PDB file of N, CA and C in Angstrom:
ATOM      1  N   MET A   1     -30.311  -1.353  56.135  1.00  0.00           N
ATOM      2  CA  MET A   1     -31.469  -1.353  55.230  1.00  0.00           C
ATOM      3  C   MET A   1     -31.264  -0.598  54.183  1.00  0.00           C
ATOM      4  N   LEU A   2     -30.586   0.424  54.014  1.00  0.00           N
ATOM      5  CA  LEU A   2     -30.430   1.176  52.879  1.00  0.00           C
ATOM      6  C   LEU A   2     -29.416   0.582  51.966  1.00  0.00           C
ATOM      7  N   GLU A   3     -28.545  -0.371  52.526  1.00  0.00           N
ATOM      8  CA  GLU A   3     -27.549  -1.304  51.565  1.00  0.00           C
ATOM      9  C   GLU A   3     -28.343  -1.984  50.476  1.00  0.00           C
ATOM     10  N   LEU A   4     -29.588  -2.228  50.617  1.00  0.00           N
ATOM     11  CA  LEU A   4     -30.368  -3.122  49.785  1.00  0.00           C
ATOM     12  C   LEU A   4     -30.572  -2.428  48.545  1.00  0.00           C
ATOM     13  N   PHE A   5     -30.521  -1.189  48.369  1.00  0.00           N
ATOM     14  CA  PHE A   5     -31.057  -0.226  47.258  1.00  0.00           C
ATOM     15  C   PHE A   5     -29.646  -0.101  46.554  1.00  0.00           C
ATOM     16  N   HIS A   6     -28.729  -0.306  47.101  1.00  0.00           N
ATOM     17  CA  HIS A   6     -27.259  -0.031  46.284  1.00  0.00           C
ATOM     18  C   HIS A   6     -27.124  -1.403  45.300  1.00  0.00           C
ATOM     19  N   SER A   7     -26.903  -1.083  44.162  1.00  0.00           N
ATOM     20  CA  SER A   7     -26.715  -2.222  43.162  1.00  0.00           C
ATOM     21  C   SER A   7     -25.482  -1.910  42.205  1.00  0.00           C
ATOM     22  N   ASN A   8     -25.015  -2.825  41.361  1.00  0.00           N
ATOM     23  CA  ASN A   8     -24.099  -2.599  40.477  1.00  0.00           C
ATOM     24  C   ASN A   8     -24.614  -1.707  39.303  1.00  0.00           C
ATOM     25  N   PRO A   9     -24.106  -0.473  38.863  1.00  0.00           N
ATOM     26  CA  PRO A   9     -24.593   0.381  37.868  1.00  0.00           C
ATOM     27  C   PRO A   9     -24.677  -0.409  36.561  1.00  0.00           C
ATOM     28  N   LEU A  10     -23.860  -1.234  36.145  1.00  0.00           N
ATOM     29  CA  LEU A  10     -23.907  -1.882  35.002  1.00  0.00           C
ATOM     30  C   LEU A  10     -24.958  -2.771  34.675  1.00  0.00           C
ATOM     31  N   LEU A  11     -25.473  -3.398  35.926  1.00  0.00           N
ATOM     32  CA  LEU A  11     -26.599  -4.448  35.828  1.00  0.00           C
ATOM     33  C   LEU A  11     -27.884  -3.793  36.105  1.00  0.00           C
ATOM     34  N   ALA A  12     -27.922  -2.670  36.685  1.00  0.00           N
ATOM     35  CA  ALA A  12     -29.115  -1.945  37.248  1.00  0.00           C
ATOM     36  C   ALA A  12     -30.095  -1.789  35.925  1.00  0.00           C
ATOM     37  N   THR A  13     -31.303  -2.276  36.061  1.00  0.00           N
ATOM     38  CA  THR A  13     -32.363  -2.089  34.968  1.00  0.00           C
ATOM     39  C   THR A  13     -33.290  -0.836  35.480  1.00  0.00           C
ATOM     40  N   ILE A  14     -33.406  -0.681  36.729  1.00  0.00           N
ATOM     41  CA  ILE A  14     -34.426   0.359  37.436  1.00  0.00           C
ATOM     42  C   ILE A  14     -33.460   1.305  38.036  1.00  0.00           C
ATOM     43  N   THR A  15     -33.274   2.431  37.734  1.00  0.00           N
ATOM     44  CA  THR A  15     -32.431   3.271  38.458  1.00  0.00           C
ATOM     45  C   THR A  15     -33.366   4.535  39.031  1.00  0.00           C
ATOM     46  N   VAL A  16     -32.897   4.955  40.249  1.00  0.00           N
ATOM     47  CA  VAL A  16     -34.045   6.053  40.959  1.00  0.00           C
ATOM     48  C   VAL A  16     -33.320   7.422  40.399  1.00  0.00           C
ATOM     49  N   GLY A  17     -34.033   8.062  39.741  1.00  0.00           N
ATOM     50  CA  GLY A  17     -33.699   9.596  39.260  1.00  0.00           C
ATOM     51  C   GLY A  17     -32.835   9.623  38.252  1.00  0.00           C
ATOM     52  N   GLY A  18     -32.683   8.528  37.471  1.00  0.00           N
ATOM     53  CA  GLY A  18     -32.016   8.616  36.291  1.00  0.00           C
ATOM     54  C   GLY A  18     -32.179   7.729  35.119  1.00  0.00           C
ATOM     55  N   PHE A  19     -31.303   7.792  34.125  1.00  0.00           N
ATOM     56  CA  PHE A  19     -31.756   7.018  32.890  1.00  0.00           C
ATOM     57  C   PHE A  19     -30.592   6.043  32.494  1.00  0.00           C
ATOM     58  N   ASN A  20     -31.147   4.854  32.286  1.00  0.00           N
ATOM     59  CA  ASN A  20     -30.084   3.728  31.966  1.00  0.00           C
ATOM     60  C   ASN A  20     -30.138   3.314  30.557  1.00  0.00           C
ATOM     61  N   PRO A  21     -29.100   3.941  29.601  1.00  0.00           N
ATOM     62  CA  PRO A  21     -29.169   3.606  28.316  1.00  0.00           C
ATOM     63  C   PRO A  21     -28.943   2.114  27.950  1.00  0.00           C
ATOM     64  N   LEU A  22     -28.219   1.401  28.820  1.00  0.00           N
ATOM     65  CA  LEU A  22     -28.142   0.040  28.555  1.00  0.00           C
ATOM     66  C   LEU A  22     -29.248  -1.023  28.622  1.00  0.00           C
ATOM     67  N   ALA A  23     -30.178  -0.463  29.555  1.00  0.00           N
ATOM     68  CA  ALA A  23     -31.539  -1.039  30.036  1.00  0.00           C
ATOM     69  C   ALA A  23     -32.543  -0.706  28.666  1.00  0.00           C
ATOM     70  N   ALA A  24     -32.315   0.408  28.441  1.00  0.00           N
ATOM     71  CA  ALA A  24     -33.046   1.053  27.254  1.00  0.00           C
ATOM     72  C   ALA A  24     -32.815   0.363  26.039  1.00  0.00           C
ATOM     73  N   ALA A  25     -31.628   0.141  25.765  1.00  0.00           N
ATOM     74  CA  ALA A  25     -31.126  -0.507  24.418  1.00  0.00           C
ATOM     75  C   ALA A  25     -31.641  -2.022  24.360  1.00  0.00           C
ATOM     76  N   PHE A  26     -31.526  -2.712  25.564  1.00  0.00           N
ATOM     77  CA  PHE A  26     -32.039  -4.018  25.574  1.00  0.00           C
ATOM     78  C   PHE A  26     -33.530  -4.103  25.478  1.00  0.00           C
ATOM     79  N   GLY A  27     -34.107  -3.148  26.061  1.00  0.00           N
ATOM     80  CA  GLY A  27     -35.613  -3.146  26.027  1.00  0.00           C
ATOM     81  C   GLY A  27     -35.996  -3.025  24.585  1.00  0.00           C
ATOM     82  N   LEU A  28     -35.314  -2.076  23.789  1.00  0.00           N
ATOM     83  CA  LEU A  28     -35.653  -1.806  22.324  1.00  0.00           C
ATOM     84  C   LEU A  28     -35.517  -2.979  21.468  1.00  0.00           C
ATOM     85  N   ILE A  29     -34.454  -3.708  21.866  1.00  0.00           N
ATOM     86  CA  ILE A  29     -34.203  -4.898  21.048  1.00  0.00           C
ATOM     87  C   ILE A  29     -35.109  -5.966  21.347  1.00  0.00           C
ATOM     88  N   THR A  30     -35.738  -6.339  22.651  1.00  0.00           N
ATOM     89  CA  THR A  30     -36.707  -7.154  23.018  1.00  0.00           C
ATOM     90  C   THR A  30     -38.020  -6.808  22.297  1.00  0.00           C
ATOM     91  N   PHE A  31     -38.269  -5.379  22.327  1.00  0.00           N
ATOM     92  CA  PHE A  31     -39.478  -5.143  21.749  1.00  0.00           C
ATOM     93  C   PHE A  31     -39.758  -5.349  20.215  1.00  0.00           C
ATOM     94  N   ILE A  32     -38.651  -5.173  19.592  1.00  0.00           N
ATOM     95  CA  ILE A  32     -38.351  -5.475  18.161  1.00  0.00           C
ATOM     96  C   ILE A  32     -38.445  -6.870  17.970  1.00  0.00           C
ATOM     97  N   GLN A  33     -37.704  -7.616  18.720  1.00  0.00           N
ATOM     98  CA  GLN A  33     -37.684  -9.242  18.449  1.00  0.00           C
ATOM     99  C   GLN A  33     -39.222  -9.708  18.811  1.00  0.00           C
ATOM    100  N   VAL A  34     -39.976  -9.063  19.750  1.00  0.00           N
ATOM    101  CA  VAL A  34     -41.203  -9.825  19.934  1.00  0.00           C
ATOM    102  C   VAL A  34     -42.318  -9.193  18.827  1.00  0.00           C
ATOM    103  N   THR A  35     -42.206  -8.003  18.208  1.00  0.00           N
ATOM    104  CA  THR A  35     -43.016  -7.696  17.161  1.00  0.00           C
ATOM    105  C   THR A  35     -42.684  -8.452  16.122  1.00  0.00           C
ATOM    106  N   GLN A  36     -41.531  -8.734  15.837  1.00  0.00           N
ATOM    107  CA  GLN A  36     -41.209  -9.856  14.539  1.00  0.00           C
ATOM    108  C   GLN A  36     -41.749 -11.188  14.796  1.00  0.00           C
ATOM    109  N   PHE A  37     -41.791 -11.486  16.059  1.00  0.00           N
ATOM    110  CA  PHE A  37     -42.271 -13.054  16.293  1.00  0.00           C
ATOM    111  C   PHE A  37     -43.676 -13.035  15.960  1.00  0.00           C
ATOM    112  N   ILE A  38     -44.509 -11.854  16.423  1.00  0.00           N
ATOM    113  CA  ILE A  38     -45.999 -12.012  16.353  1.00  0.00           C
ATOM    114  C   ILE A  38     -46.124 -11.807  14.844  1.00  0.00           C
ATOM    115  N   TYR A  39     -45.422 -10.583  14.067  1.00  0.00           N
ATOM    116  CA  TYR A  39     -45.689 -10.505  12.783  1.00  0.00           C
ATOM    117  C   TYR A  39     -45.386 -11.651  11.730  1.00  0.00           C
ATOM    118  N   TYR A  40     -44.423 -12.596  12.007  1.00  0.00           N
ATOM    119  CA  TYR A  40     -44.166 -13.683  11.310  1.00  0.00           C
ATOM    120  C   TYR A  40     -44.803 -14.924  11.564  1.00  0.00           C
ATOM    121  N   GLY A  41     -45.494 -14.669  12.847  1.00  0.00           N
ATOM    122  CA  GLY A  41     -46.452 -15.834  13.176  1.00  0.00           C
ATOM    123  C   GLY A  41     -47.808 -16.043  12.392  1.00  0.00           C
ATOM    124  N   PHE A  42     -48.291 -15.095  11.799  1.00  0.00           N
ATOM    125  CA  PHE A  42     -49.284 -15.062  11.008  1.00  0.00           C
ATOM    126  C   PHE A  42     -48.998 -15.795   9.596  1.00  0.00           C
ATOM    127  N   ASP A  43     -49.943 -16.681   9.408  1.00  0.00           N
ATOM    128  CA  ASP A  43     -49.747 -17.219   8.002  1.00  0.00           C
ATOM    129  C   ASP A  43     -49.378 -16.547   6.849  1.00  0.00           C
ATOM    130  N   ALA A  44     -50.021 -15.327   6.696  1.00  0.00           N
ATOM    131  CA  ALA A  44     -50.040 -14.623   5.499  1.00  0.00           C
ATOM    132  C   ALA A  44     -48.610 -13.754   5.567  1.00  0.00           C
ATOM    133  N   ASN A  45     -47.880 -13.777   6.525  1.00  0.00           N
ATOM    134  CA  ASN A  45     -46.468 -13.173   6.656  1.00  0.00           C
ATOM    135  C   ASN A  45     -45.506 -14.157   6.582  1.00  0.00           C
ATOM    136  N   ASP A  46     -45.766 -15.493   6.378  1.00  0.00           N
ATOM    137  CA  ASP A  46     -44.756 -16.536   6.498  1.00  0.00           C
ATOM    138  C   ASP A  46     -43.859 -16.607   5.384  1.00  0.00           C
ATOM    139  N   PRO A  47     -42.707 -16.377   5.335  1.00  0.00           N
ATOM    140  CA  PRO A  47     -41.818 -16.342   4.147  1.00  0.00           C
ATOM    141  C   PRO A  47     -41.680 -17.860   3.299  1.00  0.00           C
ATOM    142  N   SER A  48     -41.814 -18.852   4.257  1.00  0.00           N
ATOM    143  CA  SER A  48     -41.688 -20.168   3.421  1.00  0.00           C
ATOM    144  C   SER A  48     -42.879 -20.540   2.830  1.00  0.00           C
ATOM    145  N   ASN A  49     -44.001 -19.650   2.803  1.00  0.00           N
ATOM    146  CA  ASN A  49     -45.099 -19.964   1.941  1.00  0.00           C
ATOM    147  C   ASN A  49     -45.313 -19.524   0.658  1.00  0.00           C
ATOM    148  N   ASP A  50     -44.140 -18.927   0.060  1.00  0.00           N
ATOM    149  CA  ASP A  50     -44.159 -18.310  -1.103  1.00  0.00           C
ATOM    150  C   ASP A  50     -44.347 -19.280  -2.252  1.00  0.00           C
TER     151      ASP A  50
END
């Protein structure tokens, strides 16, 4: 049963008792992309409407 909790450290996004900088970097990039998608989704911020 304990073997289910062992995973590849490179692909682990949820670590028990630790910090995964790779997952944090991808999470930050995803957050920036989503905020840009929402920001440029408004008509007032559309660069093609100049």
